[in-house]
Amino acid sequence: MPIRQHLLFPLLLAAACAPMGSTVTEEDLAAIRANRTAYAEAVRANDHTATAALYAEEAVVMPANAPMLRGRMAYRESLNSAPDIADFNMSGEEMTALGGDAVLVTGRFAITLRPPGAELAISDQGKYLEVWVRDATGWKIGWDIWNSNLPLAEPAAPPGN
């Protein structure tokens, strides 16, 4: 099933209006949890192929401080140019079945990056929102957005001050 950005609002609206019966089962939620564990392991291993494989073919990814990406391959390419990840953890997971074949997942993350040539690692923490969708191969991330809880860095003083 192709994923289109214009379907996100109807999915969220459907979740608010959906009858209590959902086609998402406890087994589905367990499969998503397993995929999320695999995701965290792939991120920590800097395995961009395995990380991107958990995204739907036409996924929409909205990373912090970067342009929106459309499609699994665009996301994979962005990972290939990102700094190495020294540590990554997710916590505080909440899962909400949106009805049909979609599940909303929210939580928190902590990440430590090692930019090439940098003496010190960079740490960040924030929150994320994912919409997992079922396709012919199983549960994949259809939409992903994350942002930092940390304040923006202070601007550098102009030279000569």
Protein backbone atom coordinates (compact mmCIF):
# COMPACT_ATOMS: atom_id res chain seq x y z
CA MET A 1 0.00 0.00 0.00
CA PRO A 2 1.66 3.29 -1.05
CA ILE A 3 2.02 5.90 1.67
CA ARG A 4 1.17 9.47 0.81
CA GLN A 5 1.84 12.49 3.00
CA HIS A 6 -1.69 13.79 2.47
CA LEU A 7 -3.02 10.67 4.21
CA LEU A 8 -1.51 11.53 7.61
CA PHE A 9 -4.28 13.94 8.63
CA PRO A 10 -7.04 11.50 7.70
CA LEU A 11 -5.21 8.77 9.64
CA LEU A 12 -5.04 10.95 12.72
CA LEU A 13 -8.66 12.07 12.28
CA ALA A 14 -9.72 8.45 11.86
CA ALA A 15 -7.96 7.60 15.12
CA ALA A 16 -10.05 10.17 16.96
CA CYS A 17 -13.27 8.86 15.42
CA ALA A 18 -12.45 5.17 15.11
CA PRO A 19 -14.70 2.64 16.80
CA MET A 20 -13.14 0.72 19.66
CA GLY A 21 -12.55 -2.35 17.48
CA SER A 22 -9.22 -2.07 15.68
CA THR A 23 -7.53 -4.49 13.35
CA VAL A 24 -4.30 -3.92 15.34
CA THR A 25 -3.76 -6.87 17.68
CA GLU A 26 -1.44 -7.46 20.63
CA GLU A 27 0.68 -9.53 18.23
CA ASP A 28 0.95 -6.51 15.94
CA LEU A 29 2.07 -4.31 18.83
CA ALA A 30 4.63 -6.96 19.83
CA ALA A 31 5.94 -7.01 16.22
CA ILE A 32 6.29 -3.21 16.26
CA ARG A 33 8.13 -3.38 19.59
CA ALA A 34 10.49 -6.00 18.12
CA ASN A 35 11.09 -3.81 15.06
CA ARG A 36 11.77 -0.82 17.32
CA THR A 37 14.35 -2.86 19.25
CA ALA A 38 15.96 -3.84 15.94
CA TYR A 39 15.89 -0.16 14.92
CA ALA A 40 17.73 0.95 18.08
CA GLU A 41 20.31 -1.82 17.62
CA ALA A 42 20.87 -0.88 13.96
CA VAL A 43 21.25 2.81 14.84
CA ARG A 44 23.80 2.02 17.59
CA ALA A 45 25.71 -0.19 15.11
CA ASN A 46 25.68 2.56 12.46
CA ASP A 47 24.06 0.00 10.14
CA HIS A 48 22.29 2.37 7.76
CA THR A 49 20.95 -0.39 5.53
CA ALA A 50 19.25 -2.16 8.45
CA THR A 51 17.97 1.13 9.87
CA ALA A 52 16.45 2.26 6.57
CA ALA A 53 14.95 -1.19 5.94
CA LEU A 54 12.54 -0.53 8.81
CA TYR A 55 10.99 2.39 6.89
CA ALA A 56 8.18 2.10 4.36
CA GLU A 57 9.19 2.57 0.73
CA GLU A 58 7.52 6.00 0.59
CA ALA A 59 8.18 7.05 4.20
CA VAL A 60 8.20 10.71 5.16
CA VAL A 61 11.04 11.53 7.58
CA MET A 62 11.31 14.90 9.33
CA PRO A 63 14.65 14.98 11.15
CA ALA A 64 15.55 17.76 13.56
CA ASN A 65 17.48 20.65 12.04
CA ALA A 66 17.33 19.20 8.52
CA PRO A 67 15.01 19.21 5.50
CA MET A 68 12.16 16.73 5.18
CA LEU A 69 13.05 13.50 3.39
CA ARG A 70 10.71 11.47 1.19
CA GLY A 71 11.31 7.77 0.74
CA ARG A 72 13.38 5.03 2.32
CA MET A 73 16.30 5.56 -0.05
CA ALA A 74 16.50 9.31 0.64
CA TYR A 75 16.60 8.54 4.35
CA ARG A 76 19.32 5.93 3.85
CA GLU A 77 21.41 8.39 1.84
CA SER A 78 21.07 10.97 4.61
CA LEU A 79 22.30 8.42 7.14
CA ASN A 80 25.36 7.71 4.99
CA SER A 81 26.44 11.35 5.33
CA ALA A 82 25.62 11.65 9.06
CA PRO A 83 28.21 11.45 11.86
CA ASP A 84 28.81 8.09 13.52
CA ILE A 85 26.55 7.32 16.44
CA ALA A 86 28.32 6.38 19.66
CA ASP A 87 25.16 5.69 21.67
CA PHE A 88 21.39 5.75 21.13
CA ASN A 89 18.46 4.91 23.39
CA MET A 90 14.68 5.29 23.23
CA SER A 91 12.33 5.34 26.23
CA GLY A 92 8.86 6.30 27.41
CA GLU A 93 7.16 4.52 24.54
CA GLU A 94 3.42 5.02 24.11
CA MET A 95 1.57 3.14 21.36
CA THR A 96 -1.89 4.02 20.06
CA ALA A 97 -3.69 2.00 17.40
CA LEU A 98 -5.08 4.41 14.82
CA GLY A 99 -7.47 1.86 13.40
CA GLY A 100 -6.88 -0.12 10.26
CA ASP A 101 -3.20 -0.82 9.78
CA ALA A 102 -1.56 2.15 11.51
CA VAL A 103 -0.07 2.67 14.98
CA LEU A 104 1.14 5.94 16.49
CA VAL A 105 4.26 5.64 18.66
CA THR A 106 5.65 8.48 20.78
CA GLY A 107 8.55 8.61 23.20
CA ARG A 108 11.90 10.09 24.10
CA PHE A 109 15.42 9.54 22.78
CA ALA A 110 19.01 10.18 23.81
CA ILE A 111 21.83 10.13 21.27
CA THR A 112 25.58 10.70 21.24
CA LEU A 113 27.27 11.54 17.92
CA ARG A 114 30.95 11.48 17.02
CA PRO A 115 31.51 13.98 14.19
CA PRO A 116 34.61 13.31 12.07
CA GLY A 117 37.63 15.19 13.42
CA ALA A 118 35.83 16.45 16.54
CA GLU A 119 37.61 16.09 19.86
CA LEU A 120 34.39 15.71 21.80
CA ALA A 121 31.19 13.77 21.16
CA ILE A 122 27.91 15.65 20.87
CA SER A 123 24.95 14.51 22.96
CA ASP A 124 21.31 15.33 22.41
CA GLN A 125 17.98 14.30 23.85
CA GLY A 126 14.46 14.88 22.65
CA LYS A 127 11.16 13.36 21.62
CA TYR A 128 9.79 11.58 18.57
CA LEU A 129 6.55 10.64 16.89
CA GLU A 130 6.30 7.70 14.49
CA VAL A 131 3.39 6.28 12.54
CA TRP A 132 3.93 2.60 11.83
CA VAL A 133 2.01 1.11 8.91
CA ARG A 134 1.54 -2.47 7.83
CA ASP A 135 2.60 -3.38 4.31
CA ALA A 136 3.00 -6.73 2.55
CA THR A 137 6.27 -7.39 4.43
CA GLY A 138 5.13 -6.38 7.92
CA TRP A 139 5.22 -3.24 10.07
CA LYS A 140 7.30 -0.28 8.81
CA ILE A 141 7.73 3.36 9.82
CA GLY A 142 5.57 5.46 7.49
CA TRP A 143 6.13 8.85 9.12
CA ASP A 144 8.90 9.83 11.53
CA ILE A 145 9.61 13.16 13.20
CA TRP A 146 11.96 14.00 16.03
CA ASN A 147 13.33 17.11 17.67
CA SER A 148 15.60 18.14 20.50
CA ASN A 149 14.68 19.14 24.04
CA LEU A 150 17.93 21.10 24.32
CA PRO A 151 18.05 24.86 23.69
CA LEU A 152 19.74 26.19 20.57
CA ALA A 153 23.42 26.96 20.99
CA GLU A 154 24.30 30.57 21.66
CA PRO A 155 25.57 32.36 18.56
CA ALA A 156 29.33 32.83 18.37
CA ALA A 157 30.60 36.29 19.21
CA PRO A 158 31.68 38.30 16.18
CA PRO A 159 35.46 38.35 15.57
CA GLY A 160 37.29 41.06 17.50
CA ASN A 161 34.94 41.14 20.51
